Amino acid sequence: AACASDWVWDAQLQVETKQLCNEFTGSLRDARSSNVEDKARIMAEIAASGSEEEVEHAVDVLFRAGMSTSCLRYATVRGSDVRGGGRWSLGYCLAVLLVWVVHPITHVVLDTSCAGNSRYIPCLKVLEGFAWASLFAWRAPDQRSFMTNSAAKLAVTPYLLIWCLWVLRARMLGQTMERQHCVPDCIGALVLGPVMLALAIAGIAGTASVPVVGPRLVTTVLAGASVAFAPVSELAKERTQALASGLTKGGRRR
């Protein structure tokens, strides 16, 4: 059902994106208006404010991400590709809750994870899952795509891979399954979970601000977030590079 919902959402976004991109050249000056006088007045106000380049950039981000916010625009200026950044996946969200809440709860109830002093491990994983869910509910819509994608790609997928390999190893060696969840749960609770929460707290702008690695990480996390958004035009790339150059020069002056 979650996947079906994501597919319907993508189909709707494809239609809306085609409508937005219809006969749009990438420049506000070429935009059409039903009232010529209104267009002239709006363009004059934008030119007088000296923010024409910023407005053009905001429109570029709208086409790429499905929405245009300060965080998404900042990430773009830092060099990230934010296509799909305004659309979060219900399937990814449910996958995080399943692996970080439901799954470890079964380990606690059935006592199939760590024993002794490490018995708290699956409980810690559950707390991390609830913390992530709370952050997701509190975060603004422009952060939710980054949150769900980063959690699914950098926490859920690695955990499931580690869990499958560990269980396969136990089966091949003929070991009992009594405490086989302990090692995967330890990696999930002590390594993958903190990474998931750190990225959720940093958000898309905070992650993109990390030199060199940050913008690439944002691009990787959002890659494939949606097929519905328009590709980045050469004009948009030049505009983003100009804004990035201005941001760098401004930072050096300070």
Protein backbone atom coordinates (compact mmCIF):
# COMPACT_ATOMS: atom_id res chain seq x y z
CA ALA A 1 0.00 0.00 0.00
CA ALA A 2 2.84 2.39 0.86
CA CYS A 3 4.60 1.64 -2.44
CA ALA A 4 1.34 2.11 -4.33
CA SER A 5 0.88 5.46 -2.63
CA ASP A 6 4.41 6.49 -3.66
CA TRP A 7 3.74 5.45 -7.28
CA VAL A 8 0.51 7.45 -7.42
CA TRP A 9 2.30 10.45 -5.93
CA ASP A 10 5.08 10.17 -8.52
CA ALA A 11 2.58 9.92 -11.38
CA GLN A 12 0.82 13.06 -10.16
CA LEU A 13 4.13 14.91 -9.84
CA GLN A 14 5.12 13.93 -13.37
CA VAL A 15 1.94 15.52 -14.72
CA GLU A 16 2.41 18.68 -12.65
CA THR A 17 6.09 18.98 -13.64
CA LYS A 18 5.26 18.70 -17.35
CA GLN A 19 2.66 21.44 -16.94
CA LEU A 20 5.13 23.71 -15.15
CA CYS A 21 7.89 23.09 -17.70
CA ASN A 22 5.60 23.64 -20.68
CA GLU A 23 7.24 26.33 -22.86
CA PHE A 24 9.34 27.57 -19.93
CA THR A 25 12.82 28.63 -21.10
CA GLY A 26 14.38 28.86 -17.66
CA SER A 27 14.28 32.66 -17.51
CA LEU A 28 11.65 34.74 -15.74
CA ARG A 29 11.83 37.39 -18.48
CA ASP A 30 10.51 34.84 -20.96
CA ALA A 31 7.62 33.84 -18.70
CA ARG A 32 4.13 34.52 -20.01
CA SER A 33 1.33 36.36 -18.28
CA SER A 34 -2.33 36.87 -19.10
CA ASN A 35 -1.85 40.53 -18.18
CA VAL A 36 1.15 42.21 -19.81
CA GLU A 37 1.02 45.16 -17.43
CA ASP A 38 1.15 42.87 -14.38
CA LYS A 39 4.20 41.09 -15.77
CA ALA A 40 5.96 44.39 -16.50
CA ARG A 41 5.23 45.69 -12.99
CA ILE A 42 6.41 42.47 -11.30
CA MET A 43 9.61 42.32 -13.36
CA ALA A 44 10.30 46.00 -12.61
CA GLU A 45 9.90 45.38 -8.86
CA ILE A 46 12.22 42.37 -9.00
CA ALA A 47 14.83 44.32 -10.99
CA ALA A 48 14.59 47.31 -8.63
CA SER A 49 15.17 45.08 -5.60
CA GLY A 50 18.38 43.72 -7.13
CA SER A 51 17.30 40.18 -6.39
CA GLU A 52 16.50 38.95 -9.88
CA GLU A 53 19.20 36.29 -9.75
CA GLU A 54 17.93 35.00 -6.38
CA VAL A 55 14.35 34.84 -7.69
CA GLU A 56 15.52 32.93 -10.78
CA HIS A 57 17.39 30.53 -8.51
CA ALA A 58 14.31 30.03 -6.31
CA VAL A 59 12.31 29.06 -9.41
CA ASP A 60 15.08 26.66 -10.48
CA VAL A 61 14.93 24.93 -7.09
CA LEU A 62 11.12 24.75 -7.33
CA PHE A 63 11.44 22.84 -10.60
CA ARG A 64 14.13 20.55 -9.21
CA ALA A 65 12.78 19.75 -5.77
CA GLY A 66 9.04 20.33 -6.06
CA MET A 67 9.26 23.17 -3.54
CA SER A 68 11.61 26.06 -2.91
CA THR A 69 12.75 26.80 0.64
CA SER A 70 15.81 28.46 2.14
CA CYS A 71 17.29 25.08 3.13
CA LEU A 72 16.88 23.58 -0.34
CA ARG A 73 18.26 26.72 -2.01
CA TYR A 74 21.26 26.75 0.33
CA ALA A 75 21.99 23.08 -0.36
CA THR A 76 21.83 23.78 -4.10
CA VAL A 77 24.23 26.70 -3.82
CA ARG A 78 26.61 24.46 -1.88
CA GLY A 79 26.68 22.11 -4.87
CA SER A 80 24.02 19.52 -3.99
CA ASP A 81 21.48 18.15 -6.44
CA VAL A 82 18.17 18.45 -4.57
CA ARG A 83 15.88 16.92 -7.19
CA GLY A 84 13.08 15.22 -5.29
CA GLY A 85 13.98 17.05 -2.08
CA GLY A 86 10.41 18.17 -1.54
CA ARG A 87 8.86 14.72 -1.82
CA TRP A 88 9.24 12.10 0.89
CA SER A 89 8.52 8.38 0.57
CA LEU A 90 5.86 6.75 2.73
CA GLY A 91 7.46 3.38 1.99
CA TYR A 92 10.85 4.51 3.33
CA CYS A 93 9.23 6.00 6.42
CA LEU A 94 7.42 2.76 7.23
CA ALA A 95 10.60 0.76 6.57
CA VAL A 96 12.45 2.83 9.20
CA LEU A 97 9.69 2.29 11.75
CA LEU A 98 9.54 -1.42 10.98
CA VAL A 99 13.30 -1.99 11.34
CA TRP A 100 13.97 0.46 14.18
CA VAL A 101 10.82 0.01 16.28
CA VAL A 102 8.81 -3.12 15.49
CA HIS A 103 11.76 -5.43 14.82
CA PRO A 104 13.73 -4.67 18.01
CA ILE A 105 10.53 -4.77 20.11
CA THR A 106 10.13 -8.42 19.07
CA HIS A 107 13.71 -9.02 20.20
CA VAL A 108 12.92 -7.49 23.60
CA VAL A 109 9.69 -9.42 24.06
CA LEU A 110 11.09 -12.76 22.88
CA ASP A 111 14.52 -12.12 24.45
CA THR A 112 16.36 -13.15 21.27
CA SER A 113 18.99 -10.42 21.19
CA CYS A 114 21.84 -9.57 23.56
CA ALA A 115 22.05 -10.99 27.08
CA GLY A 116 23.72 -9.92 30.32
CA ASN A 117 25.04 -6.36 30.48
CA SER A 118 24.18 -5.83 26.80
CA ARG A 119 20.50 -6.64 27.19
CA TYR A 120 19.71 -2.93 26.77
CA ILE A 121 20.82 -2.91 23.10
CA PRO A 122 17.44 -3.65 21.44
CA CYS A 123 15.78 -1.22 23.87
CA LEU A 124 18.22 1.47 22.77
CA LYS A 125 17.35 0.72 19.16
CA VAL A 126 13.66 1.17 19.92
CA LEU A 127 14.35 4.53 21.58
CA GLU A 128 16.33 5.63 18.52
CA GLY A 129 13.39 4.68 16.33
CA PHE A 130 10.95 6.71 18.41
CA ALA A 131 13.40 9.64 18.48
CA TRP A 132 13.63 9.55 14.67
CA ALA A 133 9.84 9.40 14.36
CA SER A 134 9.50 12.41 16.67
CA LEU A 135 12.02 14.37 14.62
CA PHE A 136 10.19 13.42 11.43
CA ALA A 137 6.88 14.68 12.82
CA TRP A 138 8.50 17.92 14.03
CA ARG A 139 10.55 18.64 10.91
CA ALA A 140 9.33 20.91 8.11
CA PRO A 141 8.22 19.27 4.84
CA ASP A 142 11.43 20.25 3.02
CA GLN A 143 13.46 18.11 5.47
CA ARG A 144 11.41 14.92 5.31
CA SER A 145 12.68 13.64 1.97
CA PHE A 146 16.27 13.92 3.21
CA MET A 147 15.33 12.26 6.50
CA THR A 148 13.55 9.27 4.97
CA ASN A 149 16.12 8.75 2.23
CA SER A 150 19.13 9.02 4.54
CA ALA A 151 17.57 6.67 7.10
CA ALA A 152 16.57 4.12 4.46
CA LYS A 153 19.88 4.17 2.58
CA LEU A 154 22.38 4.65 5.42
CA ALA A 155 20.68 2.79 8.28
CA VAL A 156 17.87 0.43 7.24
CA THR A 157 19.54 -1.06 4.15
CA PRO A 158 22.97 -1.64 5.81
CA TYR A 159 21.28 -3.14 8.89
CA LEU A 160 19.20 -5.58 6.84
CA LEU A 161 22.28 -6.57 4.83
CA ILE A 162 24.33 -7.15 8.00
CA TRP A 163 21.47 -9.08 9.62
CA CYS A 164 21.01 -11.34 6.57
CA LEU A 165 24.75 -12.05 6.28
CA TRP A 166 25.05 -12.75 10.00
CA VAL A 167 22.10 -15.14 10.03
CA LEU A 168 23.38 -16.84 6.86
CA ARG A 169 26.77 -17.29 8.52
CA ALA A 170 25.12 -18.88 11.57
CA ARG A 171 23.12 -21.24 9.37
CA MET A 172 26.17 -22.28 7.37
CA LEU A 173 28.16 -22.95 10.56
CA GLY A 174 25.28 -24.82 12.15
CA GLN A 175 25.05 -22.42 15.08
CA THR A 176 21.91 -21.94 17.15
CA MET A 177 19.77 -18.85 16.55
CA GLU A 178 19.25 -18.13 20.24
CA ARG A 179 21.28 -14.89 20.38
CA GLN A 180 22.10 -14.34 16.70
CA HIS A 181 20.32 -10.95 16.64
CA CYS A 182 22.79 -9.48 19.14
CA VAL A 183 25.63 -8.48 16.79
CA PRO A 184 23.39 -6.89 14.11
CA ASP A 185 21.46 -5.08 16.85
CA CYS A 186 24.70 -3.76 18.36
CA ILE A 187 25.82 -2.39 15.00
CA GLY A 188 22.39 -0.90 14.44
CA ALA A 189 22.03 0.70 17.87
CA LEU A 190 25.62 1.89 18.33
CA VAL A 191 26.64 2.84 14.77
CA LEU A 192 23.82 3.06 12.23
CA GLY A 193 21.23 4.54 14.59
CA PRO A 194 23.42 7.46 15.72
CA VAL A 195 24.30 8.21 12.09
CA MET A 196 20.59 8.22 11.19
CA LEU A 197 19.74 10.57 14.06
CA ALA A 198 22.73 12.85 13.41
CA LEU A 199 21.65 13.39 9.79
CA ALA A 200 18.04 13.92 10.89
CA ILE A 201 19.15 16.61 13.34
CA ALA A 202 21.59 18.28 10.92
CA GLY A 203 19.00 18.39 8.15
CA ILE A 204 19.67 19.01 4.51
CA ALA A 205 21.24 22.45 5.01
CA GLY A 206 23.42 21.38 7.93
CA THR A 207 24.69 18.35 6.03
CA ALA A 208 25.33 20.36 2.86
CA SER A 209 27.39 22.88 4.87
CA VAL A 210 30.02 20.24 5.69
CA PRO A 211 32.99 20.98 3.36
CA VAL A 212 33.57 18.63 0.41
CA VAL A 213 31.67 15.63 1.82
CA GLY A 214 28.38 17.34 2.72
CA PRO A 215 27.09 18.35 -0.73
CA ARG A 216 28.01 14.97 -2.19
CA LEU A 217 26.27 13.18 0.65
CA VAL A 218 23.08 15.18 0.11
CA THR A 219 23.17 14.41 -3.62
CA THR A 220 23.73 10.70 -2.96
CA VAL A 221 20.97 10.52 -0.35
CA LEU A 222 18.41 12.24 -2.59
CA ALA A 223 19.45 10.37 -5.75
CA GLY A 224 16.42 8.56 -7.11
CA ALA A 225 14.07 10.26 -4.64
CA SER A 226 11.66 10.80 -7.51
CA VAL A 227 11.66 10.48 -11.29
CA ALA A 228 9.03 13.17 -11.62
CA PHE A 229 11.17 16.28 -11.45
CA ALA A 230 12.70 18.24 -14.29
CA PRO A 231 16.39 17.80 -15.16
CA VAL A 232 18.75 20.63 -14.33
CA SER A 233 19.20 22.96 -17.30
CA GLU A 234 22.53 24.49 -18.28
CA LEU A 235 21.12 27.94 -17.51
CA ALA A 236 20.18 26.78 -14.01
CA LYS A 237 23.65 25.32 -13.48
CA GLU A 238 25.31 28.60 -14.50
CA ARG A 239 23.01 30.55 -12.19
CA THR A 240 23.76 28.23 -9.26
CA GLN A 241 27.50 28.45 -9.89
CA ALA A 242 27.29 32.25 -9.90
CA LEU A 243 25.44 32.26 -6.57
CA ALA A 244 27.92 29.75 -5.11
CA SER A 245 30.80 31.95 -6.22
CA GLY A 246 29.18 34.95 -4.56
CA LEU A 247 28.63 32.95 -1.35
CA THR A 248 32.28 31.87 -1.31
CA LYS A 249 33.57 35.40 -1.89
CA GLY A 250 31.25 36.76 0.79
CA GLY A 251 32.53 34.18 3.26
CA ARG A 252 36.13 35.10 2.53
CA ARG A 253 35.44 38.79 3.06
CA ARG A 254 34.00 38.02 6.51
